[in-house]
């Protein structure tokens, strides 16, 4: 008897929808919810629709443009790496070795230190 196995292609690939990759789908969804809540709040405050509709459409267009450009520029993991790299210092400056000589040796490192 032969067995039939289902092939799962692309199991490790990131999620993609209409050109948006990974977390950018969530960014767009959150942005659209914020736009909906903004529209609702401004409408309840009495803002005329002639002002409100062009404003929300312009903000929505800007949201789509920004999210798609970020997705195209950075890809799936690039934005996180870009933001992390901005927080790294150019160099580390210290004036004393006391910082390094006072470090405690971990369990696995201690075994290596004993062998030397």
PDB file of N, CA and C in Angstrom:
ATOM      1  N   UNK A   1       0.837  -1.176   0.000  1.00  0.00           N
ATOM      2  CA  UNK A   1       0.000   0.000   0.000  1.00  0.00           C
ATOM      3  C   UNK A   1       0.884   1.242   0.000  1.00  0.00           C
ATOM      4  N   UNK A   2       0.465   2.205  -0.720  1.00  0.00           N
ATOM      5  CA  UNK A   2       1.232   3.440  -0.774  1.00  0.00           C
ATOM      6  C   UNK A   2       0.571   4.496   0.117  1.00  0.00           C
ATOM      7  N   UNK A   3       1.418   5.294   0.703  1.00  0.00           N
ATOM      8  CA  UNK A   3       0.926   6.362   1.560  1.00  0.00           C
ATOM      9  C   UNK A   3       0.947   7.671   0.796  1.00  0.00           C
ATOM     10  N   UNK A   4      -0.010   8.521   1.075  1.00  0.00           N
ATOM     11  CA  UNK A   4      -0.085   9.823   0.434  1.00  0.00           C
ATOM     12  C   UNK A   4       0.280  10.864   1.478  1.00  0.00           C
ATOM     13  N   UNK A   5       1.323  11.612   1.184  1.00  0.00           N
ATOM     14  CA  UNK A   5       1.781  12.648   2.105  1.00  0.00           C
ATOM     15  C   UNK A   5       1.472  14.014   1.517  1.00  0.00           C
ATOM     16  N   UNK A   6       1.028  14.893   2.360  1.00  0.00           N
ATOM     17  CA  UNK A   6       0.752  16.257   1.926  1.00  0.00           C
ATOM     18  C   UNK A   6       2.042  17.059   2.023  1.00  0.00           C
ATOM     19  N   UNK A   7       2.357  17.793   0.979  1.00  0.00           N
ATOM     20  CA  UNK A   7       3.570  18.600   0.953  1.00  0.00           C
ATOM     21  C   UNK A   7       3.212  20.022   1.378  1.00  0.00           C
ATOM     22  N   UNK A   8       3.863  20.473   2.429  1.00  0.00           N
ATOM     23  CA  UNK A   8       3.632  21.831   2.924  1.00  0.00           C
ATOM     24  C   UNK A   8       4.738  22.733   2.393  1.00  0.00           C
ATOM     25  N   UNK A   9       4.474  23.375   1.299  1.00  0.00           N
ATOM     26  CA  UNK A   9       5.471  24.267   0.703  1.00  0.00           C
ATOM     27  C   UNK A   9       5.406  25.626   1.384  1.00  0.00           C
ATOM     28  N   UNK A  10       6.548  26.187   1.619  1.00  0.00           N
ATOM     29  CA  UNK A  10       6.614  27.532   2.175  1.00  0.00           C
ATOM     30  C   UNK A  10       6.294  27.593   3.648  1.00  0.00           C
ATOM     31  N   UNK A  11       6.612  26.552   4.390  1.00  0.00           N
ATOM     32  CA  UNK A  11       6.303  26.544   5.820  1.00  0.00           C
ATOM     33  C   UNK A  11       7.101  27.616   6.552  1.00  0.00           C
ATOM     34  N   UNK A  12       8.358  27.789   6.201  1.00  0.00           N
ATOM     35  CA  UNK A  12       9.196  28.755   6.895  1.00  0.00           C
ATOM     36  C   UNK A  12       9.131  30.158   6.327  1.00  0.00           C
ATOM     37  N   UNK A  13       8.362  30.366   5.277  1.00  0.00           N
ATOM     38  CA  UNK A  13       8.299  31.683   4.654  1.00  0.00           C
ATOM     39  C   UNK A  13       7.429  32.626   5.469  1.00  0.00           C
ATOM     40  N   UNK A  14       7.761  33.916   5.481  1.00  0.00           N
ATOM     41  CA  UNK A  14       6.920  34.874   6.208  1.00  0.00           C
ATOM     42  C   UNK A  14       5.594  35.095   5.482  1.00  0.00           C
ATOM     43  N   UNK A  15       4.606  35.553   6.233  1.00  0.00           N
ATOM     44  CA  UNK A  15       3.287  35.802   5.673  1.00  0.00           C
ATOM     45  C   UNK A  15       3.356  36.991   4.715  1.00  0.00           C
ATOM     46  N   UNK A  16       2.592  36.909   3.634  1.00  0.00           N
ATOM     47  CA  UNK A  16       2.580  37.997   2.658  1.00  0.00           C
ATOM     48  C   UNK A  16       1.149  38.177   2.151  1.00  0.00           C
ATOM     49  N   UNK A  17       0.733  39.440   2.017  1.00  0.00           N
ATOM     50  CA  UNK A  17      -0.607  39.754   1.527  1.00  0.00           C
ATOM     51  C   UNK A  17      -0.528  40.996   0.666  1.00  0.00           C
ATOM     52  N   UNK A  18      -0.835  40.848  -0.595  1.00  0.00           N
ATOM     53  CA  UNK A  18      -0.865  41.963  -1.549  1.00  0.00           C
ATOM     54  C   UNK A  18       0.445  42.758  -1.567  1.00  0.00           C
ATOM     55  N   UNK A  19       1.558  42.086  -1.398  1.00  0.00           N
ATOM     56  CA  UNK A  19       2.854  42.764  -1.423  1.00  0.00           C
ATOM     57  C   UNK A  19       3.360  43.186  -0.059  1.00  0.00           C
ATOM     58  N   UNK A  20       2.498  43.197   0.948  1.00  0.00           N
ATOM     59  CA  UNK A  20       2.939  43.526   2.303  1.00  0.00           C
ATOM     60  C   UNK A  20       3.499  42.269   2.953  1.00  0.00           C
ATOM     61  N   UNK A  21       4.610  42.439   3.640  1.00  0.00           N
ATOM     62  CA  UNK A  21       5.266  41.288   4.245  1.00  0.00           C
ATOM     63  C   UNK A  21       5.276  41.416   5.763  1.00  0.00           C
ATOM     64  N   UNK A  22       5.060  40.316   6.432  1.00  0.00           N
ATOM     65  CA  UNK A  22       5.254  40.225   7.871  1.00  0.00           C
ATOM     66  C   UNK A  22       4.419  41.193   8.686  1.00  0.00           C
ATOM     67  N   UNK A  23       5.098  41.952   9.525  1.00  0.00           N
ATOM     68  CA  UNK A  23       4.430  42.816  10.499  1.00  0.00           C
ATOM     69  C   UNK A  23       3.760  44.026   9.863  1.00  0.00           C
ATOM     70  N   UNK A  24       4.057  44.326   8.604  1.00  0.00           N
ATOM     71  CA  UNK A  24       3.463  45.500   7.960  1.00  0.00           C
ATOM     72  C   UNK A  24       1.964  45.321   7.744  1.00  0.00           C
ATOM     73  N   UNK A  25       1.502  44.079   7.672  1.00  0.00           N
ATOM     74  CA  UNK A  25       0.064  43.821   7.583  1.00  0.00           C
ATOM     75  C   UNK A  25      -0.613  44.303   8.865  1.00  0.00           C
ATOM     76  N   UNK A  26       0.005  44.018   9.996  1.00  0.00           N
ATOM     77  CA  UNK A  26      -0.556  44.469  11.274  1.00  0.00           C
ATOM     78  C   UNK A  26      -0.486  45.989  11.388  1.00  0.00           C
ATOM     79  N   UNK A  27       0.612  46.599  10.918  1.00  0.00           N
ATOM     80  CA  UNK A  27       0.722  48.060  10.965  1.00  0.00           C
ATOM     81  C   UNK A  27      -0.405  48.698  10.160  1.00  0.00           C
ATOM     82  N   UNK A  28      -0.689  48.152   8.986  1.00  0.00           N
ATOM     83  CA  UNK A  28      -1.752  48.701   8.146  1.00  0.00           C
ATOM     84  C   UNK A  28      -3.113  48.503   8.811  1.00  0.00           C
ATOM     85  N   UNK A  29      -3.340  47.345   9.397  1.00  0.00           N
ATOM     86  CA  UNK A  29      -4.620  47.082  10.056  1.00  0.00           C
ATOM     87  C   UNK A  29      -4.835  48.015  11.242  1.00  0.00           C
ATOM     88  N   UNK A  30      -3.813  48.208  12.055  1.00  0.00           N
ATOM     89  CA  UNK A  30      -3.923  49.116  13.202  1.00  0.00           C
ATOM     90  C   UNK A  30      -4.152  50.548  12.725  1.00  0.00           C
ATOM     91  N   UNK A  31      -3.456  50.948  11.672  1.00  0.00           N
ATOM     92  CA  UNK A  31      -3.644  52.290  11.121  1.00  0.00           C
ATOM     93  C   UNK A  31      -5.059  52.507  10.606  1.00  0.00           C
ATOM     94  N   UNK A  32      -5.628  51.501   9.957  1.00  0.00           N
ATOM     95  CA  UNK A  32      -6.994  51.626   9.460  1.00  0.00           C
ATOM     96  C   UNK A  32      -8.006  51.698  10.605  1.00  0.00           C
ATOM     97  N   UNK A  33      -7.773  50.958  11.669  1.00  0.00           N
ATOM     98  CA  UNK A  33      -8.660  51.032  12.832  1.00  0.00           C
ATOM     99  C   UNK A  33      -8.576  52.416  13.474  1.00  0.00           C
ATOM    100  N   UNK A  34      -7.370  52.955  13.562  1.00  0.00           N
ATOM    101  CA  UNK A  34      -7.204  54.306  14.116  1.00  0.00           C
ATOM    102  C   UNK A  34      -7.908  55.332  13.239  1.00  0.00           C
ATOM    103  N   UNK A  35      -7.820  55.181  11.912  1.00  0.00           N
ATOM    104  CA  UNK A  35      -8.533  56.092  11.009  1.00  0.00           C
ATOM    105  C   UNK A  35     -10.052  55.982  11.195  1.00  0.00           C
ATOM    106  N   UNK A  36     -10.543  54.770  11.374  1.00  0.00           N
ATOM    107  CA  UNK A  36     -11.979  54.581  11.585  1.00  0.00           C
ATOM    108  C   UNK A  36     -12.426  55.245  12.880  1.00  0.00           C
ATOM    109  N   UNK A  37     -11.653  55.074  13.940  1.00  0.00           N
ATOM    110  CA  UNK A  37     -11.995  55.702  15.211  1.00  0.00           C
ATOM    111  C   UNK A  37     -11.895  57.226  15.133  1.00  0.00           C
ATOM    112  N   UNK A  38     -10.912  57.723  14.392  1.00  0.00           N
ATOM    113  CA  UNK A  38     -10.783  59.174  14.198  1.00  0.00           C
ATOM    114  C   UNK A  38     -11.984  59.728  13.441  1.00  0.00           C
ATOM    115  N   UNK A  39     -12.383  59.025  12.376  1.00  0.00           N
ATOM    116  CA  UNK A  39     -13.556  59.444  11.613  1.00  0.00           C
ATOM    117  C   UNK A  39     -14.796  59.479  12.504  1.00  0.00           C
ATOM    118  N   UNK A  40     -14.971  58.430  13.317  1.00  0.00           N
ATOM    119  CA  UNK A  40     -16.136  58.358  14.199  1.00  0.00           C
ATOM    120  C   UNK A  40     -16.133  59.490  15.226  1.00  0.00           C
ATOM    121  N   UNK A  41     -14.978  59.731  15.824  1.00  0.00           N
ATOM    122  CA  UNK A  41     -14.896  60.779  16.848  1.00  0.00           C
ATOM    123  C   UNK A  41     -15.161  62.158  16.249  1.00  0.00           C
ATOM    124  N   UNK A  42     -14.558  62.431  15.109  1.00  0.00           N
ATOM    125  CA  UNK A  42     -14.765  63.748  14.484  1.00  0.00           C
ATOM    126  C   UNK A  42     -16.200  63.918  13.992  1.00  0.00           C
ATOM    127  N   UNK A  43     -16.815  62.833  13.514  1.00  0.00           N
ATOM    128  CA  UNK A  43     -18.200  62.909  13.068  1.00  0.00           C
ATOM    129  C   UNK A  43     -19.135  63.179  14.249  1.00  0.00           C
ATOM    130  N   UNK A  44     -18.855  62.512  15.382  1.00  0.00           N
ATOM    131  CA  UNK A  44     -19.688  62.734  16.563  1.00  0.00           C
ATOM    132  C   UNK A  44     -19.490  64.125  17.152  1.00  0.00           C
ATOM    133  N   UNK A  45     -18.323  64.716  16.926  1.00  0.00           N
ATOM    134  CA  UNK A  45     -18.080  66.080  17.401  1.00  0.00           C
ATOM    135  C   UNK A  45     -18.721  67.127  16.504  1.00  0.00           C
ATOM    136  N   UNK A  46     -19.283  66.710  15.356  1.00  0.00           N
ATOM    137  CA  UNK A  46     -20.017  67.629  14.503  1.00  0.00           C
ATOM    138  C   UNK A  46     -19.228  68.199  13.341  1.00  0.00           C
ATOM    139  N   UNK A  47     -18.120  67.605  12.987  1.00  0.00           N
ATOM    140  CA  UNK A  47     -17.343  68.062  11.837  1.00  0.00           C
ATOM    141  C   UNK A  47     -18.126  67.753  10.561  1.00  0.00           C
ATOM    142  N   UNK A  48     -18.265  68.728   9.668  1.00  0.00           N
ATOM    143  CA  UNK A  48     -19.020  68.480   8.438  1.00  0.00           C
ATOM    144  C   UNK A  48     -18.331  67.425   7.558  1.00  0.00           C
ATOM    145  N   UNK A  49     -19.137  66.630   6.852  1.00  0.00           N
ATOM    146  CA  UNK A  49     -18.595  65.560   6.011  1.00  0.00           C
ATOM    147  C   UNK A  49     -17.757  66.103   4.857  1.00  0.00           C
ATOM    148  N   UNK A  50     -18.047  67.306   4.414  1.00  0.00           N
ATOM    149  CA  UNK A  50     -17.288  67.895   3.302  1.00  0.00           C
ATOM    150  C   UNK A  50     -15.827  68.131   3.702  1.00  0.00           C
ATOM    151  N   UNK A  51     -15.588  68.307   4.984  1.00  0.00           N
ATOM    152  CA  UNK A  51     -14.222  68.471   5.502  1.00  0.00           C
ATOM    153  C   UNK A  51     -13.658  67.119   5.924  1.00  0.00           C
ATOM    154  N   UNK A  52     -14.501  66.302   6.511  1.00  0.00           N
ATOM    155  CA  UNK A  52     -14.061  65.053   7.121  1.00  0.00           C
ATOM    156  C   UNK A  52     -13.630  63.998   6.102  1.00  0.00           C
ATOM    157  N   UNK A  53     -14.385  63.822   5.044  1.00  0.00           N
ATOM    158  CA  UNK A  53     -14.061  62.790   4.063  1.00  0.00           C
ATOM    159  C   UNK A  53     -12.725  63.028   3.351  1.00  0.00           C
ATOM    160  N   UNK A  54     -12.452  64.232   2.839  1.00  0.00           N
ATOM    161  CA  UNK A  54     -11.130  64.422   2.221  1.00  0.00           C
ATOM    162  C   UNK A  54      -9.975  64.252   3.206  1.00  0.00           C
ATOM    163  N   UNK A  55     -10.200  64.670   4.458  1.00  0.00           N
ATOM    164  CA  UNK A  55      -9.156  64.522   5.473  1.00  0.00           C
ATOM    165  C   UNK A  55      -8.848  63.047   5.726  1.00  0.00           C
ATOM    166  N   UNK A  56      -9.860  62.237   5.939  1.00  0.00           N
ATOM    167  CA  UNK A  56      -9.665  60.819   6.219  1.00  0.00           C
ATOM    168  C   UNK A  56      -9.104  60.099   4.991  1.00  0.00           C
ATOM    169  N   UNK A  57      -9.569  60.460   3.804  1.00  0.00           N
ATOM    170  CA  UNK A  57      -9.034  59.832   2.587  1.00  0.00           C
ATOM    171  C   UNK A  57      -7.565  60.184   2.375  1.00  0.00           C
ATOM    172  N   UNK A  58      -7.194  61.418   2.665  1.00  0.00           N
ATOM    173  CA  UNK A  58      -5.790  61.814   2.529  1.00  0.00           C
ATOM    174  C   UNK A  58      -4.917  61.095   3.562  1.00  0.00           C
ATOM    175  N   UNK A  59      -5.399  61.009   4.800  1.00  0.00           N
ATOM    176  CA  UNK A  59      -4.640  60.285   5.828  1.00  0.00           C
ATOM    177  C   UNK A  59      -4.542  58.793   5.492  1.00  0.00           C
ATOM    178  N   UNK A  60      -5.605  58.225   4.965  1.00  0.00           N
ATOM    179  CA  UNK A  60      -5.581  56.814   4.565  1.00  0.00           C
ATOM    180  C   UNK A  60      -4.617  56.569   3.414  1.00  0.00           C
ATOM    181  N   UNK A  61      -4.604  57.477   2.443  1.00  0.00           N
ATOM    182  CA  UNK A  61      -3.649  57.352   1.340  1.00  0.00           C
ATOM    183  C   UNK A  61      -2.215  57.456   1.823  1.00  0.00           C
ATOM    184  N   UNK A  62      -1.980  58.386   2.753  1.00  0.00           N
ATOM    185  CA  UNK A  62      -0.639  58.511   3.332  1.00  0.00           C
ATOM    186  C   UNK A  62      -0.232  57.274   4.110  1.00  0.00           C
ATOM    187  N   UNK A  63      -1.200  56.691   4.822  1.00  0.00           N
ATOM    188  CA  UNK A  63      -0.930  55.461   5.572  1.00  0.00           C
ATOM    189  C   UNK A  63      -0.536  54.333   4.626  1.00  0.00           C
ATOM    190  N   UNK A  64      -1.310  54.141   3.549  1.00  0.00           N
ATOM    191  CA  UNK A  64      -0.988  53.089   2.587  1.00  0.00           C
ATOM    192  C   UNK A  64       0.367  53.328   1.951  1.00  0.00           C
ATOM    193  N   UNK A  65       0.647  54.556   1.571  1.00  0.00           N
ATOM    194  CA  UNK A  65       1.931  54.879   0.945  1.00  0.00           C
ATOM    195  C   UNK A  65       3.095  54.592   1.884  1.00  0.00           C
ATOM    196  N   UNK A  66       2.973  55.021   3.134  1.00  0.00           N
ATOM    197  CA  UNK A  66       4.059  54.824   4.099  1.00  0.00           C
ATOM    198  C   UNK A  66       4.291  53.352   4.401  1.00  0.00           C
ATOM    199  N   UNK A  67       3.212  52.602   4.637  1.00  0.00           N
ATOM    200  CA  UNK A  67       3.365  51.194   4.999  1.00  0.00           C
ATOM    201  C   UNK A  67       3.932  50.398   3.822  1.00  0.00           C
ATOM    202  N   UNK A  68       3.456  50.652   2.617  1.00  0.00           N
ATOM    203  CA  UNK A  68       3.980  49.927   1.459  1.00  0.00           C
ATOM    204  C   UNK A  68       5.430  50.307   1.179  1.00  0.00           C
ATOM    205  N   UNK A  69       5.793  51.573   1.377  1.00  0.00           N
ATOM    206  CA  UNK A  69       7.186  51.963   1.148  1.00  0.00           C
ATOM    207  C   UNK A  69       8.106  51.360   2.203  1.00  0.00           C
ATOM    208  N   UNK A  70       7.648  51.277   3.460  1.00  0.00           N
ATOM    209  CA  UNK A  70       8.453  50.622   4.500  1.00  0.00           C
ATOM    210  C   UNK A  70       8.628  49.140   4.196  1.00  0.00           C
ATOM    211  N   UNK A  71       7.561  48.495   3.738  1.00  0.00           N
ATOM    212  CA  UNK A  71       7.637  47.076   3.410  1.00  0.00           C
ATOM    213  C   UNK A  71       8.596  46.832   2.258  1.00  0.00           C
ATOM    214  N   UNK A  72       8.561  47.702   1.274  1.00  0.00           N
ATOM    215  CA  UNK A  72       9.446  47.536   0.119  1.00  0.00           C
ATOM    216  C   UNK A  72      10.901  47.853   0.484  1.00  0.00           C
ATOM    217  N   UNK A  73      11.112  48.861   1.316  1.00  0.00           N
ATOM    218  CA  UNK A  73      12.472  49.281   1.660  1.00  0.00           C
ATOM    219  C   UNK A  73      13.166  48.300   2.598  1.00  0.00           C
ATOM    220  N   UNK A  74      12.467  47.866   3.645  1.00  0.00           N
ATOM    221  CA  UNK A  74      13.113  47.083   4.688  1.00  0.00           C
ATOM    222  C   UNK A  74      12.835  45.592   4.616  1.00  0.00           C
ATOM    223  N   UNK A  75      11.759  45.173   3.995  1.00  0.00           N
ATOM    224  CA  UNK A  75      11.447  43.756   3.953  1.00  0.00           C
ATOM    225  C   UNK A  75      10.876  43.269   5.278  1.00  0.00           C
ATOM    226  N   UNK A  76      10.970  41.963   5.496  1.00  0.00           N
ATOM    227  CA  UNK A  76      10.302  41.363   6.647  1.00  0.00           C
ATOM    228  C   UNK A  76      10.951  41.776   7.965  1.00  0.00           C
ATOM    229  N   UNK A  77      12.260  41.610   8.094  1.00  0.00           N
ATOM    230  CA  UNK A  77      12.929  41.848   9.371  1.00  0.00           C
ATOM    231  C   UNK A  77      13.790  43.113   9.360  1.00  0.00           C
ATOM    232  N   UNK A  78      13.847  43.807   8.258  1.00  0.00           N
ATOM    233  CA  UNK A  78      14.766  44.927   8.121  1.00  0.00           C
ATOM    234  C   UNK A  78      14.455  46.119   8.999  1.00  0.00           C
ATOM    235  N   UNK A  79      13.184  46.400   9.229  1.00  0.00           N
ATOM    236  CA  UNK A  79      12.825  47.561  10.053  1.00  0.00           C
ATOM    237  C   UNK A  79      13.280  47.360  11.487  1.00  0.00           C
ATOM    238  N   UNK A  80      13.089  46.172  12.023  1.00  0.00           N
ATOM    239  CA  UNK A  80      13.562  45.883  13.380  1.00  0.00           C
ATOM    240  C   UNK A  80      15.066  45.978  13.485  1.00  0.00           C
ATOM    241  N   UNK A  81      15.771  45.477  12.474  1.00  0.00           N
ATOM    242  CA  UNK A  81      17.227  45.555  12.471  1.00  0.00           C
ATOM    243  C   UNK A  81      17.693  47.009  12.344  1.00  0.00           C
ATOM    244  N   UNK A  82      16.981  47.787  11.531  1.00  0.00           N
ATOM    245  CA  UNK A  82      17.329  49.199  11.354  1.00  0.00           C
ATOM    246  C   UNK A  82      17.165  49.963  12.658  1.00  0.00           C
ATOM    247  N   UNK A  83      16.047  49.728  13.348  1.00  0.00           N
ATOM    248  CA  UNK A  83      15.805  50.421  14.611  1.00  0.00           C
ATOM    249  C   UNK A  83      16.775  49.959  15.692  1.00  0.00           C
ATOM    250  N   UNK A  84      17.149  48.682  15.679  1.00  0.00           N
ATOM    251  CA  UNK A  84      18.115  48.178  16.659  1.00  0.00           C
ATOM    252  C   UNK A  84      19.501  48.743  16.402  1.00  0.00           C
ATOM    253  N   UNK A  85      19.878  48.881  15.149  1.00  0.00           N
ATOM    254  CA  UNK A  85      21.206  49.400  14.823  1.00  0.00           C
ATOM    255  C   UNK A  85      21.352  50.866  15.200  1.00  0.00           C
ATOM    256  N   UNK A  86      20.252  51.598  15.226  1.00  0.00           N
ATOM    257  CA  UNK A  86      20.317  53.008  15.614  1.00  0.00           C
ATOM    258  C   UNK A  86      20.647  53.173  17.082  1.00  0.00           C
ATOM    259  N   UNK A  87      20.339  52.173  17.901  1.00  0.00           N
ATOM    260  CA  UNK A  87      20.578  52.275  19.335  1.00  0.00           C
ATOM    261  C   UNK A  87      21.958  51.787  19.747  1.00  0.00           C
ATOM    262  N   UNK A  88      22.750  51.273  18.808  1.00  0.00           N
ATOM    263  CA  UNK A  88      24.095  50.813  19.138  1.00  0.00           C
ATOM    264  C   UNK A  88      25.042  52.012  19.200  1.00  0.00           C
ATOM    265  N   UNK A  89      25.915  52.046  20.183  1.00  0.00           N
ATOM    266  CA  UNK A  89      26.878  53.148  20.238  1.00  0.00           C
ATOM    267  C   UNK A  89      27.973  52.961  19.189  1.00  0.00           C
ATOM    268  N   UNK A  90      28.607  54.062  18.808  1.00  0.00           N
ATOM    269  CA  UNK A  90      29.711  53.993  17.853  1.00  0.00           C
ATOM    270  C   UNK A  90      30.904  53.277  18.468  1.00  0.00           C
ATOM    271  N   UNK A  91      31.188  53.561  19.704  1.00  0.00           N
ATOM    272  CA  UNK A  91      32.278  52.894  20.414  1.00  0.00           C
ATOM    273  C   UNK A  91      31.965  52.919  21.905  1.00  0.00           C
ATOM    274  N   UNK A  92      32.649  52.060  22.643  1.00  0.00           N
ATOM    275  CA  UNK A  92      32.480  51.998  24.090  1.00  0.00           C
ATOM    276  C   UNK A  92      33.750  52.550  24.717  1.00  0.00           C
ATOM    277  N   UNK A  93      33.597  53.545  25.579  1.00  0.00           N
ATOM    278  CA  UNK A  93      34.737  54.203  26.203  1.00  0.00           C
ATOM    279  C   UNK A  93      34.739  53.877  27.688  1.00  0.00           C
ATOM    280  N   UNK A  94      35.854  53.407  28.189  1.00  0.00           N
ATOM    281  CA  UNK A  94      35.982  53.152  29.608  1.00  0.00           C
ATOM    282  C   UNK A  94      37.382  53.556  30.036  1.00  0.00           C
ATOM    283  N   UNK A  95      37.503  53.940  31.301  1.00  0.00           N
ATOM    284  CA  UNK A  95      38.781  54.442  31.787  1.00  0.00           C
ATOM    285  C   UNK A  95      39.448  53.495  32.782  1.00  0.00           C
ATOM    286  N   UNK A  96      38.776  52.416  33.117  1.00  0.00           N
ATOM    287  CA  UNK A  96      39.333  51.497  34.096  1.00  0.00           C
ATOM    288  C   UNK A  96      39.006  50.059  33.693  1.00  0.00           C
ATOM    289  N   UNK A  97      39.915  49.136  34.062  1.00  0.00           N
ATOM    290  CA  UNK A  97      39.668  47.728  33.786  1.00  0.00           C
ATOM    291  C   UNK A  97      38.830  47.086  34.878  1.00  0.00           C
ATOM    292  N   UNK A  98      38.482  47.819  35.890  1.00  0.00           N
ATOM    293  CA  UNK A  98      37.741  47.290  37.036  1.00  0.00           C
ATOM    294  C   UNK A  98      36.393  46.701  36.604  1.00  0.00           C
ATOM    295  N   UNK A  99      35.796  47.263  35.576  1.00  0.00           N
ATOM    296  CA  UNK A  99      34.521  46.763  35.086  1.00  0.00           C
ATOM    297  C   UNK A  99      34.663  45.310  34.646  1.00  0.00           C
ATOM    298  N   UNK A 100      35.772  44.992  33.998  1.00  0.00           N
ATOM    299  CA  UNK A 100      35.956  43.650  33.454  1.00  0.00           C
ATOM    300  C   UNK A 100      36.591  42.694  34.462  1.00  0.00           C
ATOM    301  N   UNK A 101      37.441  43.187  35.344  1.00  0.00           N
ATOM    302  CA  UNK A 101      38.072  42.294  36.306  1.00  0.00           C
ATOM    303  C   UNK A 101      37.124  41.887  37.424  1.00  0.00           C
ATOM    304  N   UNK A 102      36.065  42.630  37.635  1.00  0.00           N
ATOM    305  CA  UNK A 102      35.120  42.306  38.689  1.00  0.00           C
ATOM    306  C   UNK A 102      33.990  41.408  38.231  1.00  0.00           C
ATOM    307  N   UNK A 103      34.014  40.983  36.977  1.00  0.00           N
ATOM    308  CA  UNK A 103      32.941  40.124  36.474  1.00  0.00           C
ATOM    309  C   UNK A 103      33.021  38.740  37.102  1.00  0.00           C
ATOM    310  N   UNK A 104      31.862  38.172  37.388  1.00  0.00           N
ATOM    311  CA  UNK A 104      31.820  36.825  37.937  1.00  0.00           C
ATOM    312  C   UNK A 104      31.871  35.824  36.793  1.00  0.00           C
ATOM    313  N   UNK A 105      32.521  34.720  37.021  1.00  0.00           N
ATOM    314  CA  UNK A 105      32.624  33.680  36.012  1.00  0.00           C
ATOM    315  C   UNK A 105      31.431  32.750  36.161  1.00  0.00           C
ATOM    316  N   UNK A 106      30.751  32.479  35.042  1.00  0.00           N
ATOM    317  CA  UNK A 106      29.594  31.593  35.062  1.00  0.00           C
ATOM    318  C   UNK A 106      30.015  30.146  35.237  1.00  0.00           C
ATOM    319  N   UNK A 107      29.045  29.257  35.462  1.00  0.00           N
ATOM    320  CA  UNK A 107      29.331  27.843  35.702  1.00  0.00           C
ATOM    321  C   UNK A 107      30.081  27.203  34.539  1.00  0.00           C
ATOM    322  N   UNK A 108      29.591  27.422  33.301  1.00  0.00           N
ATOM    323  CA  UNK A 108      30.242  26.782  32.160  1.00  0.00           C
ATOM    324  C   UNK A 108      31.600  27.417  31.880  1.00  0.00           C
ATOM    325  N   UNK A 109      31.741  28.696  32.116  1.00  0.00           N
ATOM    326  CA  UNK A 109      33.031  29.352  31.900  1.00  0.00           C
ATOM    327  C   UNK A 109      34.052  28.940  32.969  1.00  0.00           C
ATOM    328  N   UNK A 110      33.562  28.660  34.142  1.00  0.00           N
ATOM    329  CA  UNK A 110      34.476  28.293  35.224  1.00  0.00           C
ATOM    330  C   UNK A 110      35.170  26.966  34.922  1.00  0.00           C
ATOM    331  N   UNK A 111      34.475  26.031  34.309  1.00  0.00           N
ATOM    332  CA  UNK A 111      35.088  24.773  33.932  1.00  0.00           C
ATOM    333  C   UNK A 111      36.207  25.000  32.916  1.00  0.00           C
ATOM    334  N   UNK A 112      35.986  25.910  31.986  1.00  0.00           N
ATOM    335  CA  UNK A 112      37.027  26.204  30.996  1.00  0.00           C
ATOM    336  C   UNK A 112      38.220  26.908  31.649  1.00  0.00           C
ATOM    337  N   UNK A 113      37.965  27.748  32.634  1.00  0.00           N
ATOM    338  CA  UNK A 113      39.051  28.464  33.309  1.00  0.00           C
ATOM    339  C   UNK A 113      39.921  27.496  34.102  1.00  0.00           C
ATOM    340  N   UNK A 114      39.323  26.451  34.680  1.00  0.00           N
ATOM    341  CA  UNK A 114      40.062  25.479  35.481  1.00  0.00           C
ATOM    342  C   UNK A 114      40.990  24.655  34.593  1.00  0.00           C
ATOM    343  N   UNK A 115      40.544  24.333  33.372  1.00  0.00           N
ATOM    344  CA  UNK A 115      41.339  23.520  32.457  1.00  0.00           C
ATOM    345  C   UNK A 115      42.605  24.212  31.995  1.00  0.00           C
ATOM    346  N   UNK A 116      42.637  25.518  31.987  1.00  0.00           N
ATOM    347  CA  UNK A 116      43.781  26.258  31.454  1.00  0.00           C
ATOM    348  C   UNK A 116      44.995  26.120  32.288  1.00  0.00           C
TER     349      UNK A 116
END
